[in-house]
Amino acid sequence: MSFVRTGAMAATTLAIAGATLLGSTTASYAGTNGQQVKVNTRYSDEVKVCGTNQRGEYKCTPWFDTPGGRNDYHGKSGYWFKGKVTITGIQSETGKKRTMKCSVPKSQSANWTYCNGYAGGL
């Protein structure tokens, strides 16, 4: 195999590997293929959001704190969803879990969708 041919094969292999890595970590930008979700709660101290992500995979955020009240929205950045999501909340003192659904648009002008768990019984 010639030096030129070996170099071309190496460059092609690196290009494919790079494209694969980029494709696996690409996030949604400015609400073009899903949104990040922020939630407010009435009863729950922490929540997790589960649903279809920007790659069509079912995923959940880790549990995250939701301190505050009616006007305090909290989210976990880096998790993008589209369509119906299920939000599960837990009240730490009693261990009681509550759930609600929220619709997340595939596209909008911002990166965050706000789900009103305060009104939704979370």
N, C-alpha and C. Protein backbone atom coordinates (compact mmCIF):
# COMPACT_ATOMS: atom_id res chain seq x y z
N MET A 1 0.84 -1.16 0.00
CA MET A 1 0.00 0.00 0.00
C MET A 1 0.90 1.24 0.00
N SER A 2 0.59 2.18 -0.82
CA SER A 2 1.42 3.37 -0.92
C SER A 2 1.18 4.31 0.26
N PHE A 3 2.14 5.21 0.47
CA PHE A 3 2.04 6.19 1.55
C PHE A 3 0.81 7.09 1.36
N VAL A 4 0.53 7.51 0.13
CA VAL A 4 -0.61 8.38 -0.16
C VAL A 4 -1.91 7.66 0.15
N ARG A 5 -2.02 6.40 -0.25
CA ARG A 5 -3.23 5.63 -0.03
C ARG A 5 -3.44 5.38 1.47
N THR A 6 -2.38 5.07 2.19
CA THR A 6 -2.47 4.86 3.63
C THR A 6 -2.91 6.14 4.33
N GLY A 7 -2.35 7.27 3.92
CA GLY A 7 -2.73 8.56 4.50
C GLY A 7 -4.19 8.88 4.23
N ALA A 8 -4.67 8.59 3.03
CA ALA A 8 -6.06 8.85 2.68
C ALA A 8 -7.00 8.00 3.52
N MET A 9 -6.63 6.72 3.72
CA MET A 9 -7.45 5.83 4.54
C MET A 9 -7.49 6.32 5.99
N ALA A 10 -6.36 6.76 6.50
CA ALA A 10 -6.31 7.26 7.88
C ALA A 10 -7.17 8.51 8.03
N ALA A 11 -7.10 9.41 7.06
CA ALA A 11 -7.89 10.64 7.10
C ALA A 11 -9.38 10.32 7.06
N THR A 12 -9.76 9.36 6.22
CA THR A 12 -11.16 8.96 6.10
C THR A 12 -11.65 8.36 7.42
N THR A 13 -10.83 7.50 8.02
CA THR A 13 -11.19 6.88 9.30
C THR A 13 -11.38 7.93 10.38
N LEU A 14 -10.47 8.90 10.44
CA LEU A 14 -10.59 9.98 11.43
C LEU A 14 -11.84 10.82 11.18
N ALA A 15 -12.15 11.10 9.93
CA ALA A 15 -13.33 11.90 9.60
C ALA A 15 -14.61 11.18 10.03
N ILE A 16 -14.68 9.88 9.78
CA ILE A 16 -15.86 9.09 10.16
C ILE A 16 -15.98 9.05 11.68
N ALA A 17 -14.87 8.81 12.37
CA ALA A 17 -14.89 8.77 13.84
C ALA A 17 -15.31 10.12 14.40
N GLY A 18 -14.82 11.20 13.84
CA GLY A 18 -15.18 12.53 14.31
C GLY A 18 -16.64 12.83 14.09
N ALA A 19 -17.16 12.47 12.93
CA ALA A 19 -18.58 12.70 12.65
C ALA A 19 -19.45 11.89 13.58
N THR A 20 -19.04 10.66 13.89
CA THR A 20 -19.80 9.82 14.81
C THR A 20 -19.84 10.45 16.19
N LEU A 21 -18.71 10.92 16.67
CA LEU A 21 -18.66 11.56 17.98
C LEU A 21 -19.50 12.83 18.01
N LEU A 22 -19.41 13.64 16.99
CA LEU A 22 -20.21 14.86 16.94
C LEU A 22 -21.68 14.55 16.92
N GLY A 23 -22.07 13.55 16.16
CA GLY A 23 -23.47 13.18 16.05
C GLY A 23 -24.04 12.67 17.36
N SER A 24 -23.20 12.05 18.19
CA SER A 24 -23.71 11.47 19.43
C SER A 24 -23.85 12.50 20.54
N THR A 25 -23.24 13.66 20.41
CA THR A 25 -23.31 14.63 21.49
C THR A 25 -24.04 15.91 21.09
N THR A 26 -24.58 15.96 19.91
CA THR A 26 -25.23 17.18 19.45
C THR A 26 -26.50 17.45 20.24
N ALA A 27 -26.63 18.63 20.76
CA ALA A 27 -27.84 19.04 21.48
C ALA A 27 -28.77 19.76 20.52
N SER A 28 -29.96 20.01 21.00
CA SER A 28 -30.89 20.82 20.23
C SER A 28 -30.54 22.29 20.47
N TYR A 29 -30.66 23.13 19.47
CA TYR A 29 -30.30 24.53 19.62
C TYR A 29 -31.49 25.43 19.38
N ALA A 30 -31.67 26.38 20.28
CA ALA A 30 -32.71 27.42 20.18
C ALA A 30 -34.06 26.84 19.83
N GLY A 31 -34.38 25.72 20.44
CA GLY A 31 -35.71 25.16 20.30
C GLY A 31 -36.05 24.64 18.92
N THR A 32 -35.09 24.08 18.19
CA THR A 32 -35.38 23.61 16.84
C THR A 32 -35.75 22.13 16.78
N ASN A 33 -35.43 21.35 17.79
CA ASN A 33 -35.77 19.92 17.79
C ASN A 33 -35.99 19.44 19.22
N GLY A 34 -36.78 20.17 19.95
CA GLY A 34 -37.05 19.83 21.34
C GLY A 34 -36.68 20.96 22.26
N GLN A 35 -37.11 20.84 23.51
CA GLN A 35 -36.91 21.90 24.50
C GLN A 35 -36.40 21.31 25.80
N GLN A 36 -35.76 22.14 26.59
CA GLN A 36 -35.48 21.80 27.97
C GLN A 36 -36.73 22.19 28.76
N VAL A 37 -36.93 21.54 29.91
CA VAL A 37 -38.17 21.73 30.65
C VAL A 37 -37.89 22.30 32.04
N LYS A 38 -38.66 23.34 32.41
CA LYS A 38 -38.65 23.89 33.76
C LYS A 38 -40.02 23.66 34.38
N VAL A 39 -40.02 23.38 35.69
CA VAL A 39 -41.24 23.03 36.40
C VAL A 39 -41.32 23.82 37.71
N ASN A 40 -42.52 24.21 38.07
CA ASN A 40 -42.76 24.73 39.42
C ASN A 40 -43.65 23.73 40.14
N THR A 41 -43.61 23.71 41.47
CA THR A 41 -44.39 22.72 42.22
C THR A 41 -45.07 23.36 43.42
N ARG A 42 -46.12 22.69 43.87
CA ARG A 42 -46.86 23.12 45.07
C ARG A 42 -46.48 22.21 46.24
N TYR A 43 -46.45 20.90 46.02
CA TYR A 43 -46.23 19.93 47.08
C TYR A 43 -44.88 19.23 47.01
N SER A 44 -44.35 19.04 45.82
CA SER A 44 -43.15 18.22 45.64
C SER A 44 -41.87 19.02 45.89
N ASP A 45 -40.90 18.36 46.51
CA ASP A 45 -39.60 18.97 46.77
C ASP A 45 -38.61 18.74 45.63
N GLU A 46 -38.83 17.67 44.88
CA GLU A 46 -37.98 17.39 43.73
C GLU A 46 -38.79 16.65 42.68
N VAL A 47 -38.34 16.76 41.44
CA VAL A 47 -39.03 16.14 40.31
C VAL A 47 -38.03 15.53 39.34
N LYS A 48 -38.57 14.70 38.46
CA LYS A 48 -37.82 14.25 37.29
C LYS A 48 -38.76 14.31 36.10
N VAL A 49 -38.19 14.56 34.94
CA VAL A 49 -38.96 14.68 33.70
C VAL A 49 -38.56 13.52 32.80
N CYS A 50 -39.55 12.81 32.25
CA CYS A 50 -39.29 11.68 31.36
C CYS A 50 -40.09 11.84 30.07
N GLY A 51 -39.47 11.47 28.95
CA GLY A 51 -40.16 11.55 27.68
C GLY A 51 -39.19 11.30 26.53
N THR A 52 -39.64 11.63 25.34
CA THR A 52 -38.84 11.42 24.13
C THR A 52 -37.90 12.60 23.93
N ASN A 53 -36.62 12.29 23.74
CA ASN A 53 -35.63 13.37 23.55
C ASN A 53 -35.50 13.73 22.07
N GLN A 54 -34.53 14.60 21.76
CA GLN A 54 -34.35 15.10 20.40
C GLN A 54 -33.91 14.02 19.43
N ARG A 55 -33.46 12.87 19.92
CA ARG A 55 -33.05 11.76 19.05
C ARG A 55 -34.11 10.67 18.94
N GLY A 56 -35.28 10.93 19.55
CA GLY A 56 -36.36 9.95 19.50
C GLY A 56 -36.21 8.85 20.54
N GLU A 57 -35.34 9.03 21.53
CA GLU A 57 -35.11 8.05 22.58
C GLU A 57 -35.88 8.44 23.84
N TYR A 58 -36.37 7.45 24.58
CA TYR A 58 -37.04 7.72 25.85
C TYR A 58 -35.97 7.93 26.91
N LYS A 59 -35.98 9.09 27.57
CA LYS A 59 -34.98 9.44 28.59
C LYS A 59 -35.64 10.14 29.76
N CYS A 60 -34.96 10.14 30.90
CA CYS A 60 -35.38 10.88 32.09
C CYS A 60 -34.24 11.74 32.59
N THR A 61 -34.59 12.89 33.14
CA THR A 61 -33.59 13.70 33.83
C THR A 61 -33.30 13.01 35.16
N PRO A 62 -32.19 13.34 35.79
CA PRO A 62 -32.05 12.94 37.20
C PRO A 62 -33.05 13.75 38.03
N TRP A 63 -33.31 13.32 39.25
CA TRP A 63 -34.17 14.09 40.15
C TRP A 63 -33.51 15.44 40.37
N PHE A 64 -34.30 16.51 40.41
CA PHE A 64 -33.74 17.83 40.73
C PHE A 64 -34.69 18.57 41.66
N ASP A 65 -34.11 19.43 42.50
CA ASP A 65 -34.86 20.19 43.50
C ASP A 65 -35.78 21.21 42.86
N THR A 66 -36.95 21.39 43.47
CA THR A 66 -37.90 22.41 43.02
C THR A 66 -38.36 23.24 44.21
N PRO A 67 -37.42 23.99 44.81
CA PRO A 67 -37.81 24.83 45.93
C PRO A 67 -38.64 26.02 45.45
N GLY A 68 -39.34 26.63 46.35
CA GLY A 68 -40.09 27.83 45.97
C GLY A 68 -41.56 27.54 45.83
N GLY A 69 -42.20 28.26 44.96
CA GLY A 69 -43.64 28.14 44.83
C GLY A 69 -44.12 28.47 43.44
N ARG A 70 -45.26 29.11 43.42
CA ARG A 70 -46.01 29.38 42.19
C ARG A 70 -45.17 29.98 41.06
N ASN A 71 -44.26 30.88 41.34
CA ASN A 71 -43.50 31.56 40.29
C ASN A 71 -42.04 31.13 40.18
N ASP A 72 -41.67 30.07 40.90
CA ASP A 72 -40.28 29.59 40.88
C ASP A 72 -40.17 28.32 40.05
N TYR A 73 -39.65 28.47 38.84
CA TYR A 73 -39.49 27.34 37.92
C TYR A 73 -38.05 26.86 37.97
N HIS A 74 -37.88 25.53 37.94
CA HIS A 74 -36.55 24.92 37.99
C HIS A 74 -36.46 23.82 36.94
N GLY A 75 -35.27 23.64 36.38
CA GLY A 75 -35.07 22.60 35.38
C GLY A 75 -33.68 22.01 35.48
N LYS A 76 -33.44 21.00 34.67
CA LYS A 76 -32.14 20.35 34.59
C LYS A 76 -31.64 20.57 33.17
N SER A 77 -30.64 21.44 33.01
CA SER A 77 -30.16 21.75 31.66
C SER A 77 -29.47 20.55 31.03
N GLY A 78 -29.49 20.53 29.71
CA GLY A 78 -28.84 19.46 28.96
C GLY A 78 -29.76 18.30 28.60
N TYR A 79 -31.00 18.34 29.05
CA TYR A 79 -31.98 17.29 28.72
C TYR A 79 -33.06 17.93 27.86
N TRP A 80 -33.19 17.43 26.63
CA TRP A 80 -34.10 18.01 25.64
C TRP A 80 -35.24 17.04 25.37
N PHE A 81 -36.46 17.56 25.32
CA PHE A 81 -37.64 16.73 25.09
C PHE A 81 -38.52 17.34 24.02
N LYS A 82 -39.37 16.48 23.46
CA LYS A 82 -40.41 16.95 22.53
C LYS A 82 -41.61 16.03 22.67
N GLY A 83 -42.79 16.59 22.49
CA GLY A 83 -44.02 15.82 22.66
C GLY A 83 -44.45 15.78 24.12
N LYS A 84 -45.23 14.77 24.47
CA LYS A 84 -45.72 14.64 25.85
C LYS A 84 -44.60 14.12 26.76
N VAL A 85 -44.45 14.78 27.90
CA VAL A 85 -43.53 14.30 28.92
C VAL A 85 -44.33 14.01 30.19
N THR A 86 -43.79 13.12 31.01
CA THR A 86 -44.36 12.84 32.32
C THR A 86 -43.43 13.42 33.36
N ILE A 87 -43.99 14.20 34.25
CA ILE A 87 -43.21 14.79 35.34
C ILE A 87 -43.66 14.11 36.62
N THR A 88 -42.71 13.52 37.32
CA THR A 88 -42.98 12.87 38.59
C THR A 88 -42.36 13.70 39.69
N GLY A 89 -43.15 14.02 40.70
CA GLY A 89 -42.67 14.78 41.84
C GLY A 89 -42.77 13.95 43.11
N ILE A 90 -41.89 14.23 44.06
CA ILE A 90 -41.94 13.53 45.34
C ILE A 90 -41.82 14.55 46.47
N GLN A 91 -42.60 14.33 47.51
CA GLN A 91 -42.55 15.16 48.71
C GLN A 91 -41.69 14.40 49.71
N SER A 92 -40.55 14.98 50.09
CA SER A 92 -39.55 14.25 50.87
C SER A 92 -40.03 13.82 52.26
N GLU A 93 -40.85 14.62 52.92
CA GLU A 93 -41.31 14.26 54.26
C GLU A 93 -42.22 13.04 54.26
N THR A 94 -43.14 12.99 53.31
CA THR A 94 -44.13 11.91 53.29
C THR A 94 -43.78 10.80 52.31
N GLY A 95 -42.91 11.09 51.34
CA GLY A 95 -42.59 10.10 50.31
C GLY A 95 -43.66 9.98 49.25
N LYS A 96 -44.69 10.82 49.33
CA LYS A 96 -45.79 10.76 48.37
C LYS A 96 -45.34 11.25 47.00
N LYS A 97 -45.65 10.45 45.99
CA LYS A 97 -45.33 10.80 44.60
C LYS A 97 -46.58 11.28 43.90
N ARG A 98 -46.38 12.24 43.01
CA ARG A 98 -47.45 12.77 42.17
C ARG A 98 -46.92 12.85 40.75
N THR A 99 -47.80 12.71 39.78
CA THR A 99 -47.37 12.82 38.38
C THR A 99 -48.30 13.76 37.62
N MET A 100 -47.76 14.29 36.56
CA MET A 100 -48.56 15.10 35.63
C MET A 100 -47.94 14.99 34.24
N LYS A 101 -48.69 15.34 33.24
CA LYS A 101 -48.23 15.38 31.85
C LYS A 101 -48.05 16.84 31.44
N CYS A 102 -47.16 17.03 30.49
CA CYS A 102 -46.94 18.36 29.93
C CYS A 102 -46.59 18.20 28.45
N SER A 103 -47.08 19.07 27.61
CA SER A 103 -46.77 19.04 26.18
C SER A 103 -45.58 19.96 25.91
N VAL A 104 -44.58 19.41 25.25
CA VAL A 104 -43.37 20.16 24.91
C VAL A 104 -43.30 20.29 23.39
N PRO A 105 -43.32 21.51 22.88
CA PRO A 105 -43.28 21.68 21.41
C PRO A 105 -41.93 21.25 20.84
N LYS A 106 -41.96 20.76 19.62
CA LYS A 106 -40.71 20.39 18.95
C LYS A 106 -39.87 21.63 18.67
N SER A 107 -40.52 22.72 18.31
CA SER A 107 -39.75 23.94 18.02
C SER A 107 -40.47 25.16 18.58
N GLN A 108 -39.67 26.11 18.98
CA GLN A 108 -40.13 27.41 19.46
C GLN A 108 -38.92 28.33 19.47
N SER A 109 -39.10 29.58 19.81
CA SER A 109 -38.00 30.55 19.72
C SER A 109 -37.04 30.50 20.91
N ALA A 110 -37.39 29.79 21.97
CA ALA A 110 -36.53 29.72 23.16
C ALA A 110 -36.16 28.26 23.44
N ASN A 111 -35.21 28.05 24.35
CA ASN A 111 -34.75 26.71 24.68
C ASN A 111 -35.55 26.03 25.79
N TRP A 112 -36.34 26.78 26.56
CA TRP A 112 -37.04 26.22 27.71
C TRP A 112 -38.54 26.27 27.52
N THR A 113 -39.21 25.18 27.93
CA THR A 113 -40.66 25.14 28.04
C THR A 113 -40.99 25.09 29.52
N TYR A 114 -42.00 25.83 29.93
CA TYR A 114 -42.39 25.91 31.34
C TYR A 114 -43.64 25.08 31.57
N CYS A 115 -43.55 24.11 32.49
CA CYS A 115 -44.67 23.25 32.83
C CYS A 115 -45.16 23.63 34.22
N ASN A 116 -46.44 23.98 34.31
CA ASN A 116 -47.01 24.48 35.55
C ASN A 116 -47.43 23.31 36.46
N GLY A 117 -46.47 22.83 37.24
CA GLY A 117 -46.76 21.78 38.21
C GLY A 117 -47.54 22.28 39.41
N TYR A 118 -47.45 23.57 39.67
CA TYR A 118 -48.20 24.17 40.77
C TYR A 118 -49.69 23.99 40.53
N ALA A 119 -50.12 24.29 39.33
CA ALA A 119 -51.53 24.11 38.97
C ALA A 119 -51.84 22.64 38.66
N GLY A 120 -50.81 21.88 38.27
CA GLY A 120 -51.00 20.48 37.88
C GLY A 120 -50.99 19.50 39.03
N GLY A 121 -50.90 20.00 40.27
CA GLY A 121 -50.98 19.12 41.42
C GLY A 121 -49.66 18.54 41.88
N LEU A 122 -48.55 19.07 41.38
CA LEU A 122 -47.25 18.58 41.84
C LEU A 122 -46.87 19.33 43.11
